[in-house]
Amino acid sequence: MAERLHHLHDAIVAVIAAHAPDRAAVEEVFVNKNPQSTLKLAQARGAVLAACGRASLPVSEHAARLVKKAVVGTGGAEKQQVQAMLKVLLPGVAIAGADAADALAVAIADAHLGGTR
């Protein structure tokens, strides 16, 4: 696990260096049905936040319901609805899986919400 978190941290540092963003956004932690999954997610999130902190990036945190509402119009939207709306908002973009779709939704919501909350 330590090696995977180190790799994640280094990959985020590289993305920040390559693209020089002025802010970052993450989804707030939610309690999963499986405590082990929640713990692993929190550890990965910590690696990402550490990389952002290293770059002095302000980080906005958004609740999943707020992200869904910003992208789809309702906080109770299903993942498939979010992905369908991403295709409308980002025509021609090939979305590389569910995790990428979630990340794009958080970025779009952050842009709509004004960032740094």
PDB file of N, CA and C in Angstrom:
ATOM      1  N   MET A   1       0.827  -1.189   0.000  1.00  0.00           N
ATOM      2  CA  MET A   1       0.000   0.000   0.000  1.00  0.00           C
ATOM      3  C   MET A   1       0.873   1.256   0.000  1.00  0.00           C
ATOM      4  N   ALA A   2       1.953   1.232   0.759  1.00  0.00           N
ATOM      5  CA  ALA A   2       2.829   2.404   0.829  1.00  0.00           C
ATOM      6  C   ALA A   2       3.394   2.747  -0.548  1.00  0.00           C
ATOM      7  N   GLU A   3       3.776   1.738  -1.304  1.00  0.00           N
ATOM      8  CA  GLU A   3       4.311   1.979  -2.653  1.00  0.00           C
ATOM      9  C   GLU A   3       3.249   2.569  -3.573  1.00  0.00           C
ATOM     10  N   ARG A   4       2.033   2.084  -3.463  1.00  0.00           N
ATOM     11  CA  ARG A   4       0.940   2.595  -4.308  1.00  0.00           C
ATOM     12  C   ARG A   4       0.631   4.052  -3.964  1.00  0.00           C
ATOM     13  N   LEU A   5       0.619   4.380  -2.683  1.00  0.00           N
ATOM     14  CA  LEU A   5       0.365   5.762  -2.271  1.00  0.00           C
ATOM     15  C   LEU A   5       1.502   6.686  -2.719  1.00  0.00           C
ATOM     16  N   HIS A   6       2.738   6.183  -2.628  1.00  0.00           N
ATOM     17  CA  HIS A   6       3.879   6.960  -3.091  1.00  0.00           C
ATOM     18  C   HIS A   6       3.774   7.219  -4.590  1.00  0.00           C
ATOM     19  N   HIS A   7       3.404   6.193  -5.347  1.00  0.00           N
ATOM     20  CA  HIS A   7       3.229   6.343  -6.792  1.00  0.00           C
ATOM     21  C   HIS A   7       2.124   7.358  -7.098  1.00  0.00           C
ATOM     22  N   LEU A   8       1.004   7.267  -6.393  1.00  0.00           N
ATOM     23  CA  LEU A   8      -0.100   8.209  -6.591  1.00  0.00           C
ATOM     24  C   LEU A   8       0.365   9.634  -6.306  1.00  0.00           C
ATOM     25  N   HIS A   9       1.041   9.826  -5.187  1.00  0.00           N
ATOM     26  CA  HIS A   9       1.551  11.148  -4.816  1.00  0.00           C
ATOM     27  C   HIS A   9       2.461  11.692  -5.914  1.00  0.00           C
ATOM     28  N   ASP A  10       3.411  10.878  -6.364  1.00  0.00           N
ATOM     29  CA  ASP A  10       4.349  11.327  -7.391  1.00  0.00           C
ATOM     30  C   ASP A  10       3.641  11.640  -8.710  1.00  0.00           C
ATOM     31  N   ALA A  11       2.630  10.850  -9.051  1.00  0.00           N
ATOM     32  CA  ALA A  11       1.880  11.094 -10.287  1.00  0.00           C
ATOM     33  C   ALA A  11       1.127  12.419 -10.216  1.00  0.00           C
ATOM     34  N   ILE A  12       0.530  12.720  -9.066  1.00  0.00           N
ATOM     35  CA  ILE A  12      -0.179  13.993  -8.907  1.00  0.00           C
ATOM     36  C   ILE A  12       0.808  15.159  -8.946  1.00  0.00           C
ATOM     37  N   VAL A  13       1.969  15.006  -8.301  1.00  0.00           N
ATOM     38  CA  VAL A  13       3.016  16.037  -8.353  1.00  0.00           C
ATOM     39  C   VAL A  13       3.404  16.299  -9.812  1.00  0.00           C
ATOM     40  N   ALA A  14       3.552  15.242 -10.612  1.00  0.00           N
ATOM     41  CA  ALA A  14       3.921  15.389 -12.021  1.00  0.00           C
ATOM     42  C   ALA A  14       2.832  16.105 -12.823  1.00  0.00           C
ATOM     43  N   VAL A  15       1.579  15.772 -12.567  1.00  0.00           N
ATOM     44  CA  VAL A  15       0.468  16.437 -13.262  1.00  0.00           C
ATOM     45  C   VAL A  15       0.443  17.922 -12.905  1.00  0.00           C
ATOM     46  N   ILE A  16       0.628  18.230 -11.636  1.00  0.00           N
ATOM     47  CA  ILE A  16       0.652  19.633 -11.203  1.00  0.00           C
ATOM     48  C   ILE A  16       1.810  20.367 -11.883  1.00  0.00           C
ATOM     49  N   ALA A  17       2.980  19.750 -11.928  1.00  0.00           N
ATOM     50  CA  ALA A  17       4.143  20.378 -12.562  1.00  0.00           C
ATOM     51  C   ALA A  17       3.914  20.600 -14.061  1.00  0.00           C
ATOM     52  N   ALA A  18       3.275  19.630 -14.713  1.00  0.00           N
ATOM     53  CA  ALA A  18       3.060  19.715 -16.155  1.00  0.00           C
ATOM     54  C   ALA A  18       2.003  20.741 -16.549  1.00  0.00           C
ATOM     55  N   HIS A  19       0.985  20.911 -15.705  1.00  0.00           N
ATOM     56  CA  HIS A  19      -0.161  21.743 -16.091  1.00  0.00           C
ATOM     57  C   HIS A  19      -0.306  23.039 -15.299  1.00  0.00           C
ATOM     58  N   ALA A  20       0.440  23.196 -14.227  1.00  0.00           N
ATOM     59  CA  ALA A  20       0.437  24.418 -13.406  1.00  0.00           C
ATOM     60  C   ALA A  20      -0.969  24.949 -13.091  1.00  0.00           C
ATOM     61  N   PRO A  21      -1.834  24.110 -12.489  1.00  0.00           N
ATOM     62  CA  PRO A  21      -3.171  24.611 -12.137  1.00  0.00           C
ATOM     63  C   PRO A  21      -3.080  25.653 -11.027  1.00  0.00           C
ATOM     64  N   ASP A  22      -4.139  26.458 -10.914  1.00  0.00           N
ATOM     65  CA  ASP A  22      -4.149  27.457  -9.844  1.00  0.00           C
ATOM     66  C   ASP A  22      -4.989  27.024  -8.653  1.00  0.00           C
ATOM     67  N   ARG A  23      -5.666  25.877  -8.791  1.00  0.00           N
ATOM     68  CA  ARG A  23      -6.425  25.318  -7.673  1.00  0.00           C
ATOM     69  C   ARG A  23      -6.738  23.854  -7.965  1.00  0.00           C
ATOM     70  N   ALA A  24      -7.210  23.160  -6.946  1.00  0.00           N
ATOM     71  CA  ALA A  24      -7.597  21.757  -7.078  1.00  0.00           C
ATOM     72  C   ALA A  24      -8.944  21.555  -6.391  1.00  0.00           C
ATOM     73  N   ALA A  25      -9.598  20.470  -6.721  1.00  0.00           N
ATOM     74  CA  ALA A  25     -10.874  20.143  -6.095  1.00  0.00           C
ATOM     75  C   ALA A  25     -10.949  18.639  -5.863  1.00  0.00           C
ATOM     76  N   VAL A  26     -11.554  18.263  -4.753  1.00  0.00           N
ATOM     77  CA  VAL A  26     -11.747  16.858  -4.411  1.00  0.00           C
ATOM     78  C   VAL A  26     -13.166  16.663  -3.892  1.00  0.00           C
ATOM     79  N   GLU A  27     -13.608  15.430  -3.967  1.00  0.00           N
ATOM     80  CA  GLU A  27     -14.901  15.086  -3.386  1.00  0.00           C
ATOM     81  C   GLU A  27     -14.708  14.854  -1.898  1.00  0.00           C
ATOM     82  N   GLU A  28     -15.657  15.307  -1.097  1.00  0.00           N
ATOM     83  CA  GLU A  28     -15.573  15.070   0.345  1.00  0.00           C
ATOM     84  C   GLU A  28     -15.607  13.575   0.624  1.00  0.00           C
ATOM     85  N   VAL A  29     -14.992  13.189   1.726  1.00  0.00           N
ATOM     86  CA  VAL A  29     -14.994  11.787   2.132  1.00  0.00           C
ATOM     87  C   VAL A  29     -16.415  11.385   2.495  1.00  0.00           C
ATOM     88  N   PHE A  30     -16.793  10.197   2.075  1.00  0.00           N
ATOM     89  CA  PHE A  30     -18.093   9.652   2.451  1.00  0.00           C
ATOM     90  C   PHE A  30     -17.859   8.292   3.087  1.00  0.00           C
ATOM     91  N   VAL A  31     -18.752   7.890   3.945  1.00  0.00           N
ATOM     92  CA  VAL A  31     -18.618   6.600   4.613  1.00  0.00           C
ATOM     93  C   VAL A  31     -19.199   5.532   3.692  1.00  0.00           C
ATOM     94  N   ASN A  32     -18.364   4.591   3.344  1.00  0.00           N
ATOM     95  CA  ASN A  32     -18.727   3.493   2.468  1.00  0.00           C
ATOM     96  C   ASN A  32     -19.317   2.364   3.312  1.00  0.00           C
ATOM     97  N   LYS A  33     -20.000   1.442   2.678  1.00  0.00           N
ATOM     98  CA  LYS A  33     -20.520   0.281   3.396  1.00  0.00           C
ATOM     99  C   LYS A  33     -19.386  -0.588   3.920  1.00  0.00           C
ATOM    100  N   ASN A  34     -18.265  -0.591   3.200  1.00  0.00           N
ATOM    101  CA  ASN A  34     -17.115  -1.396   3.572  1.00  0.00           C
ATOM    102  C   ASN A  34     -16.067  -0.488   4.233  1.00  0.00           C
ATOM    103  N   PRO A  35     -15.820  -0.639   5.530  1.00  0.00           N
ATOM    104  CA  PRO A  35     -14.868   0.231   6.223  1.00  0.00           C
ATOM    105  C   PRO A  35     -13.456   0.168   5.633  1.00  0.00           C
ATOM    106  N   GLN A  36     -13.046  -0.998   5.137  1.00  0.00           N
ATOM    107  CA  GLN A  36     -11.718  -1.125   4.532  1.00  0.00           C
ATOM    108  C   GLN A  36     -11.618  -0.270   3.270  1.00  0.00           C
ATOM    109  N   SER A  37     -12.666  -0.244   2.470  1.00  0.00           N
ATOM    110  CA  SER A  37     -12.676   0.584   1.257  1.00  0.00           C
ATOM    111  C   SER A  37     -12.621   2.063   1.621  1.00  0.00           C
ATOM    112  N   THR A  38     -13.349   2.446   2.657  1.00  0.00           N
ATOM    113  CA  THR A  38     -13.340   3.840   3.108  1.00  0.00           C
ATOM    114  C   THR A  38     -11.944   4.239   3.557  1.00  0.00           C
ATOM    115  N   LEU A  39     -11.281   3.370   4.294  1.00  0.00           N
ATOM    116  CA  LEU A  39      -9.938   3.655   4.772  1.00  0.00           C
ATOM    117  C   LEU A  39      -8.960   3.807   3.609  1.00  0.00           C
ATOM    118  N   LYS A  40      -9.023   2.919   2.640  1.00  0.00           N
ATOM    119  CA  LYS A  40      -8.131   2.995   1.478  1.00  0.00           C
ATOM    120  C   LYS A  40      -8.387   4.262   0.673  1.00  0.00           C
ATOM    121  N   LEU A  41      -9.649   4.613   0.512  1.00  0.00           N
ATOM    122  CA  LEU A  41      -9.997   5.848  -0.195  1.00  0.00           C
ATOM    123  C   LEU A  41      -9.440   7.061   0.545  1.00  0.00           C
ATOM    124  N   ALA A  42      -9.559   7.075   1.852  1.00  0.00           N
ATOM    125  CA  ALA A  42      -9.049   8.194   2.646  1.00  0.00           C
ATOM    126  C   ALA A  42      -7.528   8.290   2.544  1.00  0.00           C
ATOM    127  N   GLN A  43      -6.852   7.155   2.504  1.00  0.00           N
ATOM    128  CA  GLN A  43      -5.398   7.172   2.369  1.00  0.00           C
ATOM    129  C   GLN A  43      -4.989   7.728   1.007  1.00  0.00           C
ATOM    130  N   ALA A  44      -5.668   7.313  -0.042  1.00  0.00           N
ATOM    131  CA  ALA A  44      -5.370   7.818  -1.382  1.00  0.00           C
ATOM    132  C   ALA A  44      -5.650   9.315  -1.459  1.00  0.00           C
ATOM    133  N   ARG A  45      -6.743   9.719  -0.868  1.00  0.00           N
ATOM    134  CA  ARG A  45      -7.104  11.140  -0.836  1.00  0.00           C
ATOM    135  C   ARG A  45      -6.036  11.940  -0.100  1.00  0.00           C
ATOM    136  N   GLY A  46      -5.499  11.372   0.972  1.00  0.00           N
ATOM    137  CA  GLY A  46      -4.422  12.023   1.716  1.00  0.00           C
ATOM    138  C   GLY A  46      -3.183  12.230   0.865  1.00  0.00           C
ATOM    139  N   ALA A  47      -2.846  11.239   0.035  1.00  0.00           N
ATOM    140  CA  ALA A  47      -1.692  11.369  -0.862  1.00  0.00           C
ATOM    141  C   ALA A  47      -1.918  12.499  -1.862  1.00  0.00           C
ATOM    142  N   VAL A  48      -3.133  12.602  -2.368  1.00  0.00           N
ATOM    143  CA  VAL A  48      -3.471  13.667  -3.317  1.00  0.00           C
ATOM    144  C   VAL A  48      -3.412  15.032  -2.625  1.00  0.00           C
ATOM    145  N   LEU A  49      -3.999  15.122  -1.439  1.00  0.00           N
ATOM    146  CA  LEU A  49      -3.985  16.395  -0.707  1.00  0.00           C
ATOM    147  C   LEU A  49      -2.562  16.813  -0.343  1.00  0.00           C
ATOM    148  N   ALA A  50      -1.713  15.850  -0.009  1.00  0.00           N
ATOM    149  CA  ALA A  50      -0.320  16.163   0.308  1.00  0.00           C
ATOM    150  C   ALA A  50       0.392  16.738  -0.915  1.00  0.00           C
ATOM    151  N   ALA A  51       0.139  16.165  -2.076  1.00  0.00           N
ATOM    152  CA  ALA A  51       0.747  16.682  -3.309  1.00  0.00           C
ATOM    153  C   ALA A  51       0.269  18.103  -3.591  1.00  0.00           C
ATOM    154  N   CYS A  52      -1.017  18.351  -3.373  1.00  0.00           N
ATOM    155  CA  CYS A  52      -1.553  19.702  -3.575  1.00  0.00           C
ATOM    156  C   CYS A  52      -0.953  20.677  -2.560  1.00  0.00           C
ATOM    157  N   GLY A  53      -0.820  20.235  -1.334  1.00  0.00           N
ATOM    158  CA  GLY A  53      -0.205  21.069  -0.303  1.00  0.00           C
ATOM    159  C   GLY A  53       1.232  21.393  -0.629  1.00  0.00           C
ATOM    160  N   ARG A  54       1.951  20.419  -1.142  1.00  0.00           N
ATOM    161  CA  ARG A  54       3.349  20.621  -1.531  1.00  0.00           C
ATOM    162  C   ARG A  54       3.466  21.720  -2.586  1.00  0.00           C
ATOM    163  N   ALA A  55       2.467  21.809  -3.471  1.00  0.00           N
ATOM    164  CA  ALA A  55       2.461  22.809  -4.536  1.00  0.00           C
ATOM    165  C   ALA A  55       1.759  24.104  -4.119  1.00  0.00           C
ATOM    166  N   SER A  56       1.338  24.188  -2.859  1.00  0.00           N
ATOM    167  CA  SER A  56       0.616  25.355  -2.333  1.00  0.00           C
ATOM    168  C   SER A  56      -0.664  25.657  -3.108  1.00  0.00           C
ATOM    169  N   LEU A  57      -1.322  24.601  -3.580  1.00  0.00           N
ATOM    170  CA  LEU A  57      -2.594  24.773  -4.283  1.00  0.00           C
ATOM    171  C   LEU A  57      -3.740  24.842  -3.288  1.00  0.00           C
ATOM    172  N   PRO A  58      -4.616  25.818  -3.433  1.00  0.00           N
ATOM    173  CA  PRO A  58      -5.835  25.772  -2.623  1.00  0.00           C
ATOM    174  C   PRO A  58      -6.699  24.605  -3.105  1.00  0.00           C
ATOM    175  N   VAL A  59      -7.319  23.914  -2.167  1.00  0.00           N
ATOM    176  CA  VAL A  59      -8.125  22.736  -2.498  1.00  0.00           C
ATOM    177  C   VAL A  59      -9.552  22.955  -2.017  1.00  0.00           C
ATOM    178  N   SER A  60     -10.500  22.832  -2.934  1.00  0.00           N
ATOM    179  CA  SER A  60     -11.920  22.889  -2.599  1.00  0.00           C
ATOM    180  C   SER A  60     -12.422  21.473  -2.385  1.00  0.00           C
ATOM    181  N   GLU A  61     -13.318  21.305  -1.427  1.00  0.00           N
ATOM    182  CA  GLU A  61     -13.930  20.005  -1.179  1.00  0.00           C
ATOM    183  C   GLU A  61     -15.434  20.134  -1.415  1.00  0.00           C
ATOM    184  N   HIS A  62     -15.979  19.205  -2.180  1.00  0.00           N
ATOM    185  CA  HIS A  62     -17.397  19.248  -2.526  1.00  0.00           C
ATOM    186  C   HIS A  62     -18.063  17.917  -2.201  1.00  0.00           C
ATOM    187  N   ALA A  63     -19.232  17.983  -1.614  1.00  0.00           N
ATOM    188  CA  ALA A  63     -20.017  16.787  -1.319  1.00  0.00           C
ATOM    189  C   ALA A  63     -20.504  16.165  -2.624  1.00  0.00           C
ATOM    190  N   ALA A  64     -20.593  14.844  -2.649  1.00  0.00           N
ATOM    191  CA  ALA A  64     -21.025  14.121  -3.847  1.00  0.00           C
ATOM    192  C   ALA A  64     -22.384  14.619  -4.331  1.00  0.00           C
ATOM    193  N   ARG A  65     -23.295  14.874  -3.422  1.00  0.00           N
ATOM    194  CA  ARG A  65     -24.634  15.349  -3.811  1.00  0.00           C
ATOM    195  C   ARG A  65     -24.550  16.714  -4.495  1.00  0.00           C
ATOM    196  N   LEU A  66     -23.650  17.566  -4.016  1.00  0.00           N
ATOM    197  CA  LEU A  66     -23.483  18.890  -4.610  1.00  0.00           C
ATOM    198  C   LEU A  66     -22.864  18.787  -6.001  1.00  0.00           C
ATOM    199  N   VAL A  67     -21.927  17.862  -6.172  1.00  0.00           N
ATOM    200  CA  VAL A  67     -21.312  17.627  -7.483  1.00  0.00           C
ATOM    201  C   VAL A  67     -22.384  17.166  -8.465  1.00  0.00           C
ATOM    202  N   LYS A  68     -23.189  16.206  -8.056  1.00  0.00           N
ATOM    203  CA  LYS A  68     -24.253  15.700  -8.924  1.00  0.00           C
ATOM    204  C   LYS A  68     -25.240  16.803  -9.276  1.00  0.00           C
ATOM    205  N   LYS A  69     -25.585  17.623  -8.301  1.00  0.00           N
ATOM    206  CA  LYS A  69     -26.533  18.711  -8.549  1.00  0.00           C
ATOM    207  C   LYS A  69     -25.954  19.726  -9.527  1.00  0.00           C
ATOM    208  N   ALA A  70     -24.676  20.044  -9.391  1.00  0.00           N
ATOM    209  CA  ALA A  70     -24.036  21.010 -10.280  1.00  0.00           C
ATOM    210  C   ALA A  70     -23.950  20.493 -11.712  1.00  0.00           C
ATOM    211  N   VAL A  71     -23.757  19.198 -11.876  1.00  0.00           N
ATOM    212  CA  VAL A  71     -23.570  18.626 -13.218  1.00  0.00           C
ATOM    213  C   VAL A  71     -24.892  18.217 -13.852  1.00  0.00           C
ATOM    214  N   VAL A  72     -25.756  17.577 -13.073  1.00  0.00           N
ATOM    215  CA  VAL A  72     -26.991  17.008 -13.627  1.00  0.00           C
ATOM    216  C   VAL A  72     -28.224  17.855 -13.308  1.00  0.00           C
ATOM    217  N   GLY A  73     -28.201  18.521 -12.156  1.00  0.00           N
ATOM    218  CA  GLY A  73     -29.362  19.308 -11.754  1.00  0.00           C
ATOM    219  C   GLY A  73     -30.083  18.723 -10.560  1.00  0.00           C
ATOM    220  N   THR A  74     -29.692  17.528 -10.155  1.00  0.00           N
ATOM    221  CA  THR A  74     -30.282  16.909  -8.975  1.00  0.00           C
ATOM    222  C   THR A  74     -29.203  16.155  -8.197  1.00  0.00           C
ATOM    223  N   GLY A  75     -29.226  16.306  -6.893  1.00  0.00           N
ATOM    224  CA  GLY A  75     -28.235  15.660  -6.045  1.00  0.00           C
ATOM    225  C   GLY A  75     -28.403  14.165  -5.925  1.00  0.00           C
ATOM    226  N   GLY A  76     -29.537  13.641  -6.366  1.00  0.00           N
ATOM    227  CA  GLY A  76     -29.787  12.216  -6.282  1.00  0.00           C
ATOM    228  C   GLY A  76     -29.512  11.478  -7.584  1.00  0.00           C
ATOM    229  N   ALA A  77     -28.799  12.117  -8.506  1.00  0.00           N
ATOM    230  CA  ALA A  77     -28.539  11.510  -9.812  1.00  0.00           C
ATOM    231  C   ALA A  77     -27.704  10.240  -9.680  1.00  0.00           C
ATOM    232  N   GLU A  78     -27.953   9.311 -10.572  1.00  0.00           N
ATOM    233  CA  GLU A  78     -27.174   8.077 -10.643  1.00  0.00           C
ATOM    234  C   GLU A  78     -25.890   8.346 -11.426  1.00  0.00           C
ATOM    235  N   LYS A  79     -24.889   7.471 -11.236  1.00  0.00           N
ATOM    236  CA  LYS A  79     -23.619   7.617 -11.952  1.00  0.00           C
ATOM    237  C   LYS A  79     -23.829   7.675 -13.466  1.00  0.00           C
ATOM    238  N   GLN A  80     -24.746   6.874 -13.978  1.00  0.00           N
ATOM    239  CA  GLN A  80     -24.990   6.849 -15.420  1.00  0.00           C
ATOM    240  C   GLN A  80     -25.520   8.204 -15.903  1.00  0.00           C
ATOM    241  N   GLN A  81     -26.335   8.869 -15.079  1.00  0.00           N
ATOM    242  CA  GLN A  81     -26.853  10.181 -15.450  1.00  0.00           C
ATOM    243  C   GLN A  81     -25.726  11.211 -15.495  1.00  0.00           C
ATOM    244  N   VAL A  82     -24.812  11.133 -14.528  1.00  0.00           N
ATOM    245  CA  VAL A  82     -23.671  12.048 -14.499  1.00  0.00           C
ATOM    246  C   VAL A  82     -22.819  11.822 -15.746  1.00  0.00           C
ATOM    247  N   GLN A  83     -22.543  10.565 -16.065  1.00  0.00           N
ATOM    248  CA  GLN A  83     -21.724  10.260 -17.234  1.00  0.00           C
ATOM    249  C   GLN A  83     -22.395  10.714 -18.525  1.00  0.00           C
ATOM    250  N   ALA A  84     -23.714  10.576 -18.620  1.00  0.00           N
ATOM    251  CA  ALA A  84     -24.439  11.040 -19.807  1.00  0.00           C
ATOM    252  C   ALA A  84     -24.336  12.557 -19.936  1.00  0.00           C
ATOM    253  N   MET A  85     -24.442  13.267 -18.820  1.00  0.00           N
ATOM    254  CA  MET A  85     -24.351  14.724 -18.855  1.00  0.00           C
ATOM    255  C   MET A  85     -22.936  15.180 -19.206  1.00  0.00           C
ATOM    256  N   LEU A  86     -21.933  14.437 -18.755  1.00  0.00           N
ATOM    257  CA  LEU A  86     -20.554  14.775 -19.115  1.00  0.00           C
ATOM    258  C   LEU A  86     -20.364  14.703 -20.629  1.00  0.00           C
ATOM    259  N   LYS A  87     -21.013  13.739 -21.280  1.00  0.00           N
ATOM    260  CA  LYS A  87     -20.924  13.631 -22.740  1.00  0.00           C
ATOM    261  C   LYS A  87     -21.566  14.840 -23.418  1.00  0.00           C
ATOM    262  N   VAL A  88     -22.596  15.389 -22.792  1.00  0.00           N
ATOM    263  CA  VAL A  88     -23.244  16.587 -23.338  1.00  0.00           C
ATOM    264  C   VAL A  88     -22.355  17.816 -23.108  1.00  0.00           C
ATOM    265  N   LEU A  89     -21.792  17.916 -21.912  1.00  0.00           N
ATOM    266  CA  LEU A  89     -20.976  19.081 -21.559  1.00  0.00           C
ATOM    267  C   LEU A  89     -19.600  19.061 -22.220  1.00  0.00           C
ATOM    268  N   LEU A  90     -19.088  17.861 -22.484  1.00  0.00           N
ATOM    269  CA  LEU A  90     -17.752  17.710 -23.059  1.00  0.00           C
ATOM    270  C   LEU A  90     -17.826  16.857 -24.328  1.00  0.00           C
ATOM    271  N   PRO A  91     -18.497  17.359 -25.367  1.00  0.00           N
ATOM    272  CA  PRO A  91     -18.678  16.550 -26.574  1.00  0.00           C
ATOM    273  C   PRO A  91     -17.323  16.205 -27.206  1.00  0.00           C
ATOM    274  N   GLY A  92     -17.217  14.959 -27.642  1.00  0.00           N
ATOM    275  CA  GLY A  92     -15.999  14.517 -28.304  1.00  0.00           C
ATOM    276  C   GLY A  92     -14.897  14.061 -27.371  1.00  0.00           C
ATOM    277  N   VAL A  93     -15.089  14.225 -26.060  1.00  0.00           N
ATOM    278  CA  VAL A  93     -14.073  13.810 -25.097  1.00  0.00           C
ATOM    279  C   VAL A  93     -14.277  12.335 -24.758  1.00  0.00           C
ATOM    280  N   ALA A  94     -13.213  11.555 -24.868  1.00  0.00           N
ATOM    281  CA  ALA A  94     -13.266  10.145 -24.497  1.00  0.00           C
ATOM    282  C   ALA A  94     -12.958  10.046 -23.008  1.00  0.00           C
ATOM    283  N   ILE A  95     -13.931   9.637 -22.236  1.00  0.00           N
ATOM    284  CA  ILE A  95     -13.776   9.544 -20.787  1.00  0.00           C
ATOM    285  C   ILE A  95     -13.288   8.142 -20.443  1.00  0.00           C
ATOM    286  N   ALA A  96     -12.131   8.085 -19.796  1.00  0.00           N
ATOM    287  CA  ALA A  96     -11.443   6.814 -19.529  1.00  0.00           C
ATOM    288  C   ALA A  96     -11.935   6.146 -18.254  1.00  0.00           C
ATOM    289  N   GLY A  97     -13.211   5.793 -18.198  1.00  0.00           N
ATOM    290  CA  GLY A  97     -13.733   5.039 -17.073  1.00  0.00           C
ATOM    291  C   GLY A  97     -14.474   5.861 -16.033  1.00  0.00           C
ATOM    292  N   ALA A  98     -15.023   5.144 -15.066  1.00  0.00           N
ATOM    293  CA  ALA A  98     -15.870   5.749 -14.034  1.00  0.00           C
ATOM    294  C   ALA A  98     -15.097   6.719 -13.138  1.00  0.00           C
ATOM    295  N   ASP A  99     -13.860   6.380 -12.787  1.00  0.00           N
ATOM    296  CA  ASP A  99     -13.075   7.270 -11.930  1.00  0.00           C
ATOM    297  C   ASP A  99     -12.770   8.584 -12.637  1.00  0.00           C
ATOM    298  N   ALA A 100     -12.442   8.509 -13.928  1.00  0.00           N
ATOM    299  CA  ALA A 100     -12.188   9.718 -14.711  1.00  0.00           C
ATOM    300  C   ALA A 100     -13.457  10.562 -14.813  1.00  0.00           C
ATOM    301  N   ALA A 101     -14.595   9.903 -14.980  1.00  0.00           N
ATOM    302  CA  ALA A 101     -15.866  10.621 -15.041  1.00  0.00           C
ATOM    303  C   ALA A 101     -16.138  11.342 -13.719  1.00  0.00           C
ATOM    304  N   ASP A 102     -15.881  10.669 -12.614  1.00  0.00           N
ATOM    305  CA  ASP A 102     -16.066  11.300 -11.302  1.00  0.00           C
ATOM    306  C   ASP A 102     -15.165  12.524 -11.159  1.00  0.00           C
ATOM    307  N   ALA A 103     -13.910  12.396 -11.588  1.00  0.00           N
ATOM    308  CA  ALA A 103     -12.963  13.509 -11.487  1.00  0.00           C
ATOM    309  C   ALA A 103     -13.403  14.692 -12.346  1.00  0.00           C
ATOM    310  N   LEU A 104     -13.870  14.403 -13.555  1.00  0.00           N
ATOM    311  CA  LEU A 104     -14.353  15.476 -14.423  1.00  0.00           C
ATOM    312  C   LEU A 104     -15.585  16.152 -13.822  1.00  0.00           C
ATOM    313  N   ALA A 105     -16.474  15.366 -13.232  1.00  0.00           N
ATOM    314  CA  ALA A 105     -17.667  15.931 -12.605  1.00  0.00           C
ATOM    315  C   ALA A 105     -17.280  16.859 -11.452  1.00  0.00           C
ATOM    316  N   VAL A 106     -16.305  16.464 -10.645  1.00  0.00           N
ATOM    317  CA  VAL A 106     -15.847  17.315  -9.540  1.00  0.00           C
ATOM    318  C   VAL A 106     -15.255  18.604 -10.095  1.00  0.00           C
ATOM    319  N   ALA A 107     -14.467  18.507 -11.169  1.00  0.00           N
ATOM    320  CA  ALA A 107     -13.864  19.700 -11.769  1.00  0.00           C
ATOM    321  C   ALA A 107     -14.927  20.648 -12.321  1.00  0.00           C
ATOM    322  N   ILE A 108     -15.925  20.094 -12.990  1.00  0.00           N
ATOM    323  CA  ILE A 108     -17.001  20.921 -13.537  1.00  0.00           C
ATOM    324  C   ILE A 108     -17.794  21.574 -12.416  1.00  0.00           C
ATOM    325  N   ALA A 109     -18.114  20.809 -11.390  1.00  0.00           N
ATOM    326  CA  ALA A 109     -18.848  21.362 -10.251  1.00  0.00           C
ATOM    327  C   ALA A 109     -18.037  22.473  -9.595  1.00  0.00           C
ATOM    328  N   ASP A 110     -16.731  22.256  -9.427  1.00  0.00           N
ATOM    329  CA  ASP A 110     -15.881  23.268  -8.823  1.00  0.00           C
ATOM    330  C   ASP A 110     -15.888  24.549  -9.658  1.00  0.00           C
ATOM    331  N   ALA A 111     -15.845  24.421 -10.973  1.00  0.00           N
ATOM    332  CA  ALA A 111     -15.880  25.591 -11.841  1.00  0.00           C
ATOM    333  C   ALA A 111     -17.212  26.337 -11.686  1.00  0.00           C
ATOM    334  N   HIS A 112     -18.313  25.589 -11.590  1.00  0.00           N
ATOM    335  CA  HIS A 112     -19.627  26.202 -11.415  1.00  0.00           C
ATOM    336  C   HIS A 112     -19.774  26.861 -10.047  1.00  0.00           C
ATOM    337  N   LEU A 113     -19.189  26.231  -9.048  1.00  0.00           N
ATOM    338  CA  LEU A 113     -19.362  26.697  -7.670  1.00  0.00           C
ATOM    339  C   LEU A 113     -18.340  27.755  -7.264  1.00  0.00           C
ATOM    340  N   GLY A 114     -17.372  28.010  -8.105  1.00  0.00           N
ATOM    341  CA  GLY A 114     -16.423  29.071  -7.817  1.00  0.00           C
ATOM    342  C   GLY A 114     -15.182  28.638  -7.062  1.00  0.00           C
ATOM    343  N   GLY A 115     -15.029  27.366  -6.775  1.00  0.00           N
ATOM    344  CA  GLY A 115     -13.806  26.869  -6.123  1.00  0.00           C
ATOM    345  C   GLY A 115     -13.596  27.351  -4.715  1.00  0.00           C
ATOM    346  N   THR A 116     -12.553  26.835  -4.099  1.00  0.00           N
ATOM    347  CA  THR A 116     -12.099  27.104  -2.736  1.00  0.00           C
ATOM    348  C   THR A 116     -13.219  27.321  -1.725  1.00  0.00           C
ATOM    349  N   ARG A 117     -13.943  26.284  -1.465  1.00  0.00           N
ATOM    350  CA  ARG A 117     -14.987  26.307  -0.432  1.00  0.00           C
ATOM    351  C   ARG A 117     -14.450  25.698   0.829  1.00  0.00           C
TER     352      ARG A 117
END
